[in-house]
């Protein structure tokens, strides 16, 4: 299912599913880009740390963001109306922003899997997007809510917890503290 005129790369997830992706898209991954440049990626690139569900999400992101990177490399005709170009660019930026907002609208486990994959593949923009989403979700949450959201077991005794609350009561009170779990 290779696209005519576009060089394709095959990625293989840890559950043996293969994905054929444009090289221009996977070049957003510093790791894969270096493998291709070094001649290490001759046929199928195995990705032992990424399952097929997560890899499909990463590929979805890479494919959506490929157009922006290709547009930056194209020569711009100087005779074109600059205002129309700016309007189109703004529209594309808005589309990407809307895509990114919808893209990170996933469960915690899936978000962390994508963060781990972005880190492994060295995809800076995806890593920043997902980490910012995680940070935004945790912002102003109570300790209890954060523990519940991240499935962290409280290893403090009741006395230790009371001592911490007494030492820094400002961190556990106030109208900005959100105790909801989402």
N, C-alpha and C. Protein backbone atom coordinates (compact mmCIF):
# COMPACT_ATOMS: atom_id res chain seq x y z
N UNK A 1 0.83 -1.19 0.00
CA UNK A 1 0.00 0.00 0.00
C UNK A 1 0.87 1.24 0.00
N UNK A 2 1.98 1.20 -0.70
CA UNK A 2 2.91 2.32 -0.78
C UNK A 2 2.32 3.44 -1.61
N UNK A 3 2.54 4.66 -1.16
CA UNK A 3 2.07 5.82 -1.86
C UNK A 3 3.06 6.16 -2.96
N UNK A 4 2.54 6.46 -4.17
CA UNK A 4 3.42 6.75 -5.29
C UNK A 4 4.24 8.00 -5.03
N UNK A 5 5.54 7.93 -5.30
CA UNK A 5 6.42 9.08 -5.18
C UNK A 5 6.87 9.39 -3.77
N UNK A 6 6.36 8.71 -2.80
CA UNK A 6 6.74 8.96 -1.42
C UNK A 6 7.43 7.73 -0.86
N UNK A 7 8.58 7.95 -0.26
CA UNK A 7 9.33 6.83 0.32
C UNK A 7 8.64 6.38 1.60
N UNK A 8 8.45 5.08 1.71
CA UNK A 8 7.75 4.52 2.86
C UNK A 8 8.70 3.74 3.76
N UNK A 9 8.37 3.70 5.04
CA UNK A 9 9.14 2.97 6.05
C UNK A 9 8.16 2.06 6.79
N UNK A 10 8.59 0.86 7.11
CA UNK A 10 7.74 -0.07 7.84
C UNK A 10 8.20 -0.15 9.29
N UNK A 11 7.26 0.11 10.21
CA UNK A 11 7.53 0.04 11.64
C UNK A 11 6.82 -1.19 12.19
N UNK A 12 7.48 -1.90 13.09
CA UNK A 12 6.91 -3.12 13.66
C UNK A 12 6.80 -2.97 15.17
N UNK A 13 5.58 -3.09 15.68
CA UNK A 13 5.32 -2.95 17.12
C UNK A 13 5.77 -4.21 17.85
N UNK A 14 5.77 -4.14 19.18
CA UNK A 14 6.20 -5.29 19.98
C UNK A 14 5.20 -6.45 19.94
N UNK A 15 4.00 -6.21 19.42
CA UNK A 15 3.05 -7.30 19.24
C UNK A 15 2.95 -7.72 17.77
N UNK A 16 4.05 -7.48 17.05
CA UNK A 16 4.27 -7.94 15.67
C UNK A 16 3.32 -7.38 14.62
N UNK A 17 2.74 -6.22 14.87
CA UNK A 17 1.92 -5.57 13.84
C UNK A 17 2.81 -4.58 13.10
N UNK A 18 2.68 -4.56 11.78
CA UNK A 18 3.51 -3.69 10.95
C UNK A 18 2.69 -2.53 10.42
N UNK A 19 3.32 -1.35 10.39
CA UNK A 19 2.70 -0.13 9.92
C UNK A 19 3.60 0.48 8.85
N UNK A 20 3.03 0.77 7.69
CA UNK A 20 3.78 1.41 6.63
C UNK A 20 3.50 2.91 6.72
N UNK A 21 4.56 3.70 6.88
CA UNK A 21 4.44 5.13 7.13
C UNK A 21 5.39 5.87 6.21
N UNK A 22 4.99 7.08 5.80
CA UNK A 22 5.87 7.90 4.97
C UNK A 22 7.14 8.23 5.75
N UNK A 23 8.26 8.18 5.05
CA UNK A 23 9.53 8.50 5.70
C UNK A 23 9.53 9.93 6.23
N UNK A 24 8.88 10.84 5.49
CA UNK A 24 8.81 12.23 5.94
C UNK A 24 8.11 12.34 7.30
N UNK A 25 7.14 11.48 7.54
CA UNK A 25 6.43 11.50 8.83
C UNK A 25 7.30 10.95 9.94
N UNK A 26 7.94 9.79 9.71
CA UNK A 26 8.74 9.18 10.77
C UNK A 26 10.03 9.93 11.02
N UNK A 27 10.43 10.81 10.10
CA UNK A 27 11.63 11.61 10.33
C UNK A 27 11.45 12.61 11.47
N UNK A 28 10.23 12.78 11.95
CA UNK A 28 10.00 13.61 13.13
C UNK A 28 10.54 12.93 14.38
N UNK A 29 10.76 11.63 14.27
CA UNK A 29 11.39 10.87 15.35
C UNK A 29 12.90 10.91 15.13
N UNK A 30 13.60 11.52 16.07
CA UNK A 30 15.06 11.60 15.95
C UNK A 30 15.69 10.21 15.90
N UNK A 31 15.14 9.28 16.67
CA UNK A 31 15.70 7.93 16.69
C UNK A 31 15.58 7.25 15.33
N UNK A 32 14.39 7.28 14.75
CA UNK A 32 14.19 6.63 13.45
C UNK A 32 14.94 7.37 12.36
N UNK A 33 14.93 8.68 12.42
CA UNK A 33 15.66 9.48 11.43
C UNK A 33 17.14 9.10 11.43
N UNK A 34 17.73 8.97 12.61
CA UNK A 34 19.14 8.58 12.71
C UNK A 34 19.36 7.16 12.20
N UNK A 35 18.43 6.26 12.47
CA UNK A 35 18.55 4.89 11.97
C UNK A 35 18.55 4.87 10.45
N UNK A 36 17.67 5.67 9.85
CA UNK A 36 17.59 5.73 8.39
C UNK A 36 18.87 6.33 7.81
N UNK A 37 19.33 7.44 8.41
CA UNK A 37 20.55 8.09 7.94
C UNK A 37 21.78 7.20 8.08
N UNK A 38 21.82 6.38 9.13
CA UNK A 38 22.96 5.49 9.37
C UNK A 38 22.85 4.18 8.59
N UNK A 39 21.76 4.00 7.85
CA UNK A 39 21.59 2.79 7.06
C UNK A 39 21.18 1.58 7.87
N UNK A 40 20.68 1.79 9.07
CA UNK A 40 20.27 0.68 9.94
C UNK A 40 18.84 0.24 9.67
N UNK A 41 18.11 1.02 8.92
CA UNK A 41 16.69 0.74 8.68
C UNK A 41 16.49 0.29 7.24
N UNK A 42 16.93 -0.91 6.93
CA UNK A 42 16.85 -1.39 5.55
C UNK A 42 15.48 -1.90 5.17
N UNK A 43 14.79 -2.59 6.05
CA UNK A 43 13.46 -3.11 5.69
C UNK A 43 12.43 -2.73 6.74
N UNK A 44 12.38 -3.48 7.81
CA UNK A 44 11.40 -3.25 8.88
C UNK A 44 12.14 -2.75 10.12
N UNK A 45 11.61 -1.68 10.71
CA UNK A 45 12.21 -1.14 11.93
C UNK A 45 11.43 -1.69 13.13
N UNK A 46 12.05 -2.57 13.92
CA UNK A 46 11.35 -3.11 15.09
C UNK A 46 11.35 -2.09 16.23
N UNK A 47 10.21 -1.97 16.87
CA UNK A 47 10.06 -1.06 18.02
C UNK A 47 9.61 -1.90 19.22
N UNK A 48 10.56 -2.53 19.92
CA UNK A 48 10.22 -3.47 20.98
C UNK A 48 9.57 -2.84 22.21
N UNK A 49 9.62 -1.53 22.34
CA UNK A 49 9.06 -0.88 23.52
C UNK A 49 7.67 -0.29 23.29
N UNK A 50 7.10 -0.50 22.09
CA UNK A 50 5.83 0.15 21.76
C UNK A 50 4.83 -0.87 21.22
N UNK A 51 3.63 -0.91 21.82
CA UNK A 51 2.59 -1.81 21.33
C UNK A 51 1.86 -1.17 20.14
N UNK A 52 1.07 -1.96 19.44
CA UNK A 52 0.43 -1.50 18.21
C UNK A 52 -0.59 -0.38 18.45
N UNK A 53 -1.30 -0.42 19.56
CA UNK A 53 -2.29 0.63 19.85
C UNK A 53 -1.58 1.97 20.04
N UNK A 54 -0.52 1.97 20.81
CA UNK A 54 0.24 3.19 21.05
C UNK A 54 0.93 3.65 19.77
N UNK A 55 1.50 2.73 19.03
CA UNK A 55 2.19 3.08 17.79
C UNK A 55 1.21 3.70 16.79
N UNK A 56 0.00 3.20 16.73
CA UNK A 56 -0.99 3.78 15.81
C UNK A 56 -1.33 5.21 16.21
N UNK A 57 -1.39 5.49 17.53
CA UNK A 57 -1.62 6.87 17.99
C UNK A 57 -0.45 7.78 17.62
N UNK A 58 0.77 7.29 17.80
CA UNK A 58 1.96 8.07 17.46
C UNK A 58 1.97 8.35 15.96
N UNK A 59 1.66 7.36 15.15
CA UNK A 59 1.64 7.54 13.69
C UNK A 59 0.56 8.53 13.29
N UNK A 60 -0.59 8.48 13.96
CA UNK A 60 -1.66 9.45 13.69
C UNK A 60 -1.14 10.87 13.91
N UNK A 61 -0.43 11.08 15.02
CA UNK A 61 0.15 12.39 15.32
C UNK A 61 1.18 12.78 14.26
N UNK A 62 2.09 11.88 13.93
CA UNK A 62 3.14 12.17 12.95
C UNK A 62 2.56 12.51 11.59
N UNK A 63 1.54 11.77 11.16
CA UNK A 63 0.92 12.03 9.86
C UNK A 63 0.24 13.39 9.82
N UNK A 64 -0.39 13.78 10.91
CA UNK A 64 -1.06 15.08 10.96
C UNK A 64 -0.04 16.22 10.96
N UNK A 65 1.07 16.02 11.62
CA UNK A 65 2.07 17.08 11.73
C UNK A 65 3.06 17.10 10.58
N UNK A 66 3.00 16.13 9.67
CA UNK A 66 3.92 16.08 8.54
C UNK A 66 3.71 17.26 7.60
N UNK A 67 2.46 17.70 7.41
CA UNK A 67 2.18 18.76 6.45
C UNK A 67 2.87 20.05 6.85
N UNK A 68 2.91 20.34 8.14
CA UNK A 68 3.56 21.56 8.59
C UNK A 68 5.05 21.52 8.28
N UNK A 69 5.69 20.39 8.54
CA UNK A 69 7.12 20.27 8.30
C UNK A 69 7.44 20.33 6.81
N UNK A 70 6.59 19.74 5.95
CA UNK A 70 6.81 19.80 4.51
C UNK A 70 6.63 21.23 4.02
N UNK A 71 5.62 21.94 4.54
CA UNK A 71 5.37 23.31 4.11
C UNK A 71 6.54 24.22 4.43
N UNK A 72 7.23 23.98 5.53
CA UNK A 72 8.36 24.81 5.90
C UNK A 72 9.50 24.67 4.91
N UNK A 73 9.61 23.51 4.25
CA UNK A 73 10.69 23.26 3.31
C UNK A 73 10.39 23.76 1.91
N UNK A 74 9.13 24.04 1.58
CA UNK A 74 8.77 24.46 0.24
C UNK A 74 9.16 25.92 0.01
N UNK A 75 9.52 26.22 -1.25
CA UNK A 75 9.81 27.60 -1.62
C UNK A 75 8.49 28.34 -1.78
N UNK A 76 8.44 29.57 -1.32
CA UNK A 76 7.23 30.37 -1.40
C UNK A 76 7.35 31.31 -2.58
N UNK A 77 6.33 31.35 -3.42
CA UNK A 77 6.32 32.23 -4.58
C UNK A 77 6.15 33.66 -4.08
N UNK A 78 7.11 34.53 -4.42
CA UNK A 78 7.10 35.90 -3.90
C UNK A 78 5.95 36.72 -4.43
N UNK A 79 5.37 36.32 -5.57
CA UNK A 79 4.28 37.08 -6.17
C UNK A 79 2.92 36.78 -5.53
N UNK A 80 2.85 35.75 -4.68
CA UNK A 80 1.58 35.39 -4.05
C UNK A 80 1.17 36.46 -3.05
N UNK A 81 -0.11 36.58 -2.86
CA UNK A 81 -0.64 37.53 -1.91
C UNK A 81 -0.25 37.10 -0.50
N UNK A 82 0.52 37.93 0.19
CA UNK A 82 1.02 37.58 1.52
C UNK A 82 -0.12 37.43 2.53
N UNK A 83 -1.15 38.26 2.40
CA UNK A 83 -2.27 38.16 3.34
C UNK A 83 -2.98 36.82 3.23
N UNK A 84 -3.18 36.33 2.01
CA UNK A 84 -3.83 35.03 1.83
C UNK A 84 -2.97 33.93 2.41
N UNK A 85 -1.66 34.05 2.25
CA UNK A 85 -0.73 33.07 2.81
C UNK A 85 -0.81 33.05 4.32
N UNK A 86 -0.90 34.23 4.92
CA UNK A 86 -0.99 34.31 6.38
C UNK A 86 -2.30 33.71 6.88
N UNK A 87 -3.40 33.99 6.13
CA UNK A 87 -4.69 33.43 6.52
C UNK A 87 -4.67 31.91 6.45
N UNK A 88 -4.09 31.38 5.38
CA UNK A 88 -4.02 29.92 5.23
C UNK A 88 -3.16 29.32 6.33
N UNK A 89 -2.04 29.99 6.63
CA UNK A 89 -1.15 29.49 7.69
C UNK A 89 -1.87 29.49 9.03
N UNK A 90 -2.61 30.56 9.30
CA UNK A 90 -3.35 30.64 10.55
C UNK A 90 -4.40 29.54 10.62
N UNK A 91 -5.07 29.28 9.51
CA UNK A 91 -6.06 28.21 9.46
C UNK A 91 -5.43 26.86 9.72
N UNK A 92 -4.26 26.61 9.13
CA UNK A 92 -3.55 25.35 9.35
C UNK A 92 -3.11 25.23 10.81
N UNK A 93 -2.63 26.33 11.37
CA UNK A 93 -2.21 26.32 12.78
C UNK A 93 -3.40 26.03 13.69
N UNK A 94 -4.55 26.63 13.37
CA UNK A 94 -5.75 26.38 14.17
C UNK A 94 -6.19 24.93 14.05
N UNK A 95 -6.09 24.37 12.82
CA UNK A 95 -6.44 22.96 12.63
C UNK A 95 -5.53 22.06 13.45
N UNK A 96 -4.22 22.36 13.45
CA UNK A 96 -3.27 21.56 14.23
C UNK A 96 -3.54 21.69 15.72
N UNK A 97 -3.85 22.91 16.16
CA UNK A 97 -4.14 23.12 17.57
C UNK A 97 -5.38 22.34 17.98
N UNK A 98 -6.40 22.38 17.13
CA UNK A 98 -7.64 21.63 17.41
C UNK A 98 -7.36 20.12 17.41
N UNK A 99 -6.55 19.66 16.45
CA UNK A 99 -6.18 18.24 16.40
C UNK A 99 -5.45 17.85 17.67
N UNK A 100 -4.47 18.67 18.09
CA UNK A 100 -3.69 18.36 19.29
C UNK A 100 -4.57 18.27 20.53
N UNK A 101 -5.54 19.19 20.65
CA UNK A 101 -6.45 19.17 21.80
C UNK A 101 -7.27 17.88 21.83
N UNK A 102 -7.75 17.46 20.67
CA UNK A 102 -8.52 16.22 20.59
C UNK A 102 -7.61 15.01 20.79
N UNK A 103 -6.39 15.09 20.27
CA UNK A 103 -5.45 13.98 20.34
C UNK A 103 -5.14 13.59 21.78
N UNK A 104 -4.91 14.57 22.65
CA UNK A 104 -4.54 14.27 24.03
C UNK A 104 -5.74 13.94 24.92
N UNK A 105 -6.93 13.96 24.33
CA UNK A 105 -8.14 13.61 25.08
C UNK A 105 -8.26 12.09 25.13
N UNK A 106 -7.44 11.50 26.00
CA UNK A 106 -7.41 10.04 26.14
C UNK A 106 -7.23 9.71 27.61
N UNK A 107 -7.38 8.46 27.94
CA UNK A 107 -7.22 8.04 29.33
C UNK A 107 -5.77 8.16 29.78
N UNK A 108 -5.59 8.10 31.11
CA UNK A 108 -4.26 8.24 31.70
C UNK A 108 -3.27 7.21 31.18
N UNK A 109 -3.70 5.95 31.18
CA UNK A 109 -2.78 4.88 30.76
C UNK A 109 -2.33 5.07 29.33
N UNK A 110 -3.28 5.40 28.46
CA UNK A 110 -2.94 5.62 27.05
C UNK A 110 -2.03 6.84 26.90
N UNK A 111 -2.32 7.90 27.66
CA UNK A 111 -1.48 9.09 27.61
C UNK A 111 -0.05 8.77 28.04
N UNK A 112 0.09 8.03 29.12
CA UNK A 112 1.44 7.67 29.58
C UNK A 112 2.15 6.75 28.60
N UNK A 113 1.41 5.86 27.95
CA UNK A 113 2.01 5.01 26.92
C UNK A 113 2.54 5.86 25.76
N UNK A 114 1.76 6.87 25.36
CA UNK A 114 2.20 7.76 24.28
C UNK A 114 3.41 8.58 24.73
N UNK A 115 3.41 9.04 25.98
CA UNK A 115 4.57 9.77 26.51
C UNK A 115 5.81 8.89 26.46
N UNK A 116 5.68 7.66 26.91
CA UNK A 116 6.82 6.73 26.90
C UNK A 116 7.30 6.46 25.47
N UNK A 117 6.36 6.31 24.53
CA UNK A 117 6.73 6.07 23.13
C UNK A 117 7.41 7.30 22.54
N UNK A 118 6.88 8.49 22.84
CA UNK A 118 7.49 9.73 22.33
C UNK A 118 8.90 9.89 22.89
N UNK A 119 9.09 9.53 24.13
CA UNK A 119 10.42 9.59 24.74
C UNK A 119 11.36 8.59 24.07
N UNK A 120 10.91 7.36 23.90
CA UNK A 120 11.71 6.31 23.27
C UNK A 120 12.09 6.67 21.83
N UNK A 121 11.11 7.21 21.08
CA UNK A 121 11.35 7.57 19.69
C UNK A 121 11.99 8.95 19.53
N UNK A 122 12.10 9.68 20.63
CA UNK A 122 12.69 11.01 20.63
C UNK A 122 11.92 11.96 19.70
N UNK A 123 10.61 12.08 19.97
CA UNK A 123 9.74 13.00 19.24
C UNK A 123 9.40 14.14 20.19
N UNK A 124 10.17 15.22 20.10
CA UNK A 124 10.09 16.30 21.08
C UNK A 124 8.71 16.94 21.17
N UNK A 125 8.12 17.31 20.04
CA UNK A 125 6.83 18.01 20.07
C UNK A 125 5.72 17.15 20.68
N UNK A 126 5.71 15.87 20.33
CA UNK A 126 4.70 14.97 20.89
C UNK A 126 4.90 14.79 22.39
N UNK A 127 6.14 14.68 22.79
CA UNK A 127 6.46 14.53 24.22
C UNK A 127 5.98 15.77 24.99
N UNK A 128 6.29 16.95 24.47
CA UNK A 128 5.87 18.19 25.13
C UNK A 128 4.35 18.30 25.20
N UNK A 129 3.68 17.98 24.10
CA UNK A 129 2.22 18.05 24.06
C UNK A 129 1.59 17.15 25.11
N UNK A 130 2.03 15.91 25.17
CA UNK A 130 1.44 14.94 26.11
C UNK A 130 1.81 15.26 27.56
N UNK A 131 3.04 15.69 27.80
CA UNK A 131 3.44 16.05 29.17
C UNK A 131 2.67 17.27 29.65
N UNK A 132 2.44 18.24 28.76
CA UNK A 132 1.66 19.42 29.13
C UNK A 132 0.23 19.03 29.45
N UNK A 133 -0.32 18.10 28.69
CA UNK A 133 -1.67 17.62 28.96
C UNK A 133 -1.74 16.96 30.34
N UNK A 134 -0.75 16.14 30.65
CA UNK A 134 -0.72 15.49 31.97
C UNK A 134 -0.60 16.53 33.08
N UNK A 135 0.26 17.53 32.87
CA UNK A 135 0.44 18.58 33.88
C UNK A 135 -0.85 19.37 34.07
N UNK A 136 -1.53 19.68 32.96
CA UNK A 136 -2.79 20.43 33.05
C UNK A 136 -3.85 19.64 33.82
N UNK A 137 -3.87 18.33 33.63
CA UNK A 137 -4.84 17.50 34.34
C UNK A 137 -4.56 17.45 35.84
N UNK A 138 -3.29 17.53 36.22
CA UNK A 138 -2.91 17.44 37.63
C UNK A 138 -2.94 18.78 38.34
N UNK A 139 -2.97 19.86 37.58
CA UNK A 139 -2.90 21.20 38.14
C UNK A 139 -4.05 21.44 39.13
N UNK A 140 -3.68 21.93 40.30
CA UNK A 140 -4.62 22.29 41.37
C UNK A 140 -5.40 21.11 41.94
N UNK A 141 -4.95 19.91 41.72
CA UNK A 141 -5.62 18.75 42.29
C UNK A 141 -5.13 18.52 43.71
N UNK A 142 -5.99 17.95 44.51
CA UNK A 142 -5.59 17.61 45.88
C UNK A 142 -4.65 16.41 45.85
N UNK A 143 -3.96 16.21 46.95
CA UNK A 143 -3.05 15.07 47.06
C UNK A 143 -3.83 13.77 46.85
N UNK A 144 -5.00 13.68 47.46
CA UNK A 144 -5.82 12.49 47.33
C UNK A 144 -6.21 12.25 45.87
N UNK A 145 -6.61 13.32 45.17
CA UNK A 145 -7.02 13.18 43.77
C UNK A 145 -5.84 12.76 42.89
N UNK A 146 -4.67 13.34 43.13
CA UNK A 146 -3.48 12.97 42.34
C UNK A 146 -3.12 11.51 42.58
N UNK A 147 -3.15 11.10 43.84
CA UNK A 147 -2.85 9.70 44.15
C UNK A 147 -3.82 8.76 43.43
N UNK A 148 -5.08 9.13 43.44
CA UNK A 148 -6.09 8.29 42.81
C UNK A 148 -5.93 8.28 41.29
N UNK A 149 -5.67 9.45 40.71
CA UNK A 149 -5.51 9.55 39.26
C UNK A 149 -4.30 8.75 38.77
N UNK A 150 -3.22 8.81 39.52
CA UNK A 150 -1.98 8.15 39.11
C UNK A 150 -1.81 6.76 39.73
N UNK A 151 -2.82 6.34 40.47
CA UNK A 151 -2.80 5.02 41.12
C UNK A 151 -1.56 4.85 42.01
N UNK A 152 -1.34 5.87 42.84
CA UNK A 152 -0.22 5.85 43.78
C UNK A 152 -0.75 5.46 45.15
N UNK A 153 -0.14 4.47 45.73
CA UNK A 153 -0.53 4.01 47.06
C UNK A 153 0.07 4.95 48.10
N UNK A 154 -0.75 5.34 49.07
CA UNK A 154 -0.28 6.19 50.15
C UNK A 154 0.52 5.34 51.13
N UNK A 155 1.82 5.58 51.19
CA UNK A 155 2.68 4.78 52.08
C UNK A 155 2.97 5.50 53.40
N UNK A 156 2.28 6.62 53.63
CA UNK A 156 2.46 7.35 54.88
C UNK A 156 1.48 6.84 55.94
N UNK A 157 1.94 6.85 57.17
CA UNK A 157 1.03 6.52 58.26
C UNK A 157 0.14 7.74 58.48
N UNK A 158 -0.93 7.55 59.21
CA UNK A 158 -1.85 8.65 59.49
C UNK A 158 -1.13 9.77 60.24
N UNK A 159 -0.24 9.40 61.16
CA UNK A 159 0.51 10.39 61.94
C UNK A 159 1.46 11.19 61.04
N UNK A 160 2.14 10.51 60.13
CA UNK A 160 3.06 11.19 59.21
C UNK A 160 2.31 12.15 58.30
N UNK A 161 1.15 11.74 57.85
CA UNK A 161 0.35 12.59 56.98
C UNK A 161 -0.13 13.83 57.73
N UNK A 162 -0.58 13.66 58.98
CA UNK A 162 -1.01 14.80 59.78
C UNK A 162 0.14 15.77 60.03
N UNK A 163 1.32 15.24 60.27
CA UNK A 163 2.50 16.07 60.50
C UNK A 163 2.82 16.91 59.25
N UNK A 164 2.74 16.31 58.10
CA UNK A 164 3.00 17.04 56.84
C UNK A 164 1.95 18.12 56.64
N UNK A 165 0.70 17.81 56.91
CA UNK A 165 -0.38 18.79 56.77
C UNK A 165 -0.17 19.95 57.74
N UNK A 166 0.27 19.66 58.97
CA UNK A 166 0.53 20.71 59.96
C UNK A 166 1.73 21.57 59.57
N UNK A 167 2.74 20.96 58.94
CA UNK A 167 3.94 21.71 58.53
C UNK A 167 3.67 22.64 57.35
N UNK A 168 2.76 22.26 56.46
CA UNK A 168 2.47 23.07 55.28
C UNK A 168 0.97 23.07 54.99
N UNK A 169 0.19 23.71 55.88
CA UNK A 169 -1.26 23.67 55.70
C UNK A 169 -1.74 24.37 54.43
N UNK A 170 -0.99 25.36 53.97
CA UNK A 170 -1.36 26.10 52.77
C UNK A 170 -1.43 25.19 51.54
N UNK A 171 -0.70 24.09 51.54
CA UNK A 171 -0.68 23.19 50.39
C UNK A 171 -1.92 22.30 50.33
N UNK A 172 -2.68 22.27 51.41
CA UNK A 172 -3.81 21.36 51.47
C UNK A 172 -5.15 22.07 51.59
N UNK A 173 -5.15 23.39 51.46
CA UNK A 173 -6.40 24.11 51.61
C UNK A 173 -6.50 25.22 50.58
N UNK A 174 -7.65 25.81 50.51
CA UNK A 174 -7.87 26.92 49.59
C UNK A 174 -8.88 26.55 48.52
N UNK A 175 -9.52 27.56 47.97
CA UNK A 175 -10.57 27.32 46.97
C UNK A 175 -10.02 26.75 45.65
N UNK A 176 -8.73 26.94 45.39
CA UNK A 176 -8.16 26.48 44.13
C UNK A 176 -7.86 24.99 44.11
N UNK A 177 -7.92 24.34 45.26
CA UNK A 177 -7.64 22.90 45.33
C UNK A 177 -8.86 22.13 44.83
N UNK A 178 -8.64 21.32 43.82
CA UNK A 178 -9.70 20.53 43.19
C UNK A 178 -9.56 19.08 43.64
N UNK A 179 -10.60 18.56 44.25
CA UNK A 179 -10.55 17.21 44.79
C UNK A 179 -11.20 16.18 43.86
N UNK A 180 -11.61 16.62 42.66
CA UNK A 180 -12.26 15.69 41.74
C UNK A 180 -11.21 14.86 40.99
N UNK A 181 -11.61 13.68 40.62
CA UNK A 181 -10.73 12.78 39.87
C UNK A 181 -11.31 12.66 38.47
N UNK A 182 -10.49 13.02 37.47
CA UNK A 182 -10.94 12.87 36.07
C UNK A 182 -9.80 12.55 35.17
